[in-house]
Amino acid sequence: MDLPAPQRNGTPLPGPHHPHQHRQHHPQPADPAPTRTTRSPRRPRHHTLRRLILALTARTITQYLFYRHRRWPHTINPHLIVNEHTAQNEKPVSPHRLGDQFRETGVTLNQIRMDRQLEEALTHGPDALHLAAVFGISERAAMRYAATDAARAFLATPLEQ
């Protein structure tokens, strides 16, 4: 199976953590997200769309892992994202290098992080404990994101459109 290399301009791989947090640069390969795309008649449409997005994410990560294994078959680096410099050691890719992937699009890593956290708050409701556990953020930050009215208002701003 010959898969193309990931796009240079950056197909955003999901990363729920702030770029400056330790875990952002240490994502570990995990079980891919569910890929079932059938729609249950009792669920609203956004669940179907969410499943399609999860399937796309799972497929993208799987393709990248095949590419990574072909490109660096003997790497000892445990991180999901590696490059020609980090494949030879156990260091993570630098935040600057990750930011370079998105510079052409005008999107920052901070905007991606905020969007992911707000989307999670809208999906799971105002559950600050869930947000703190999923993203490793402080209780105070989780409570801010859990205010779903604020999250909806933020997502409706022209920045997102």
Foldseek 3Di string as FASTA:
>chain_A
DDFDAPDQLDPDQDAQEQQPDPVSQADADDPQDDQDQDDDPVDDPVVNVVNPVSNVNSVVLVSNVVVCCVVQVPFPARGSDDDPVCSNDPGGDHLVVVQNSNVVVVDGSRNSNLLSLLVVLLVVALDLVVSCVVHVDDSVVSNVSNPNVVSVVVCPDPVND
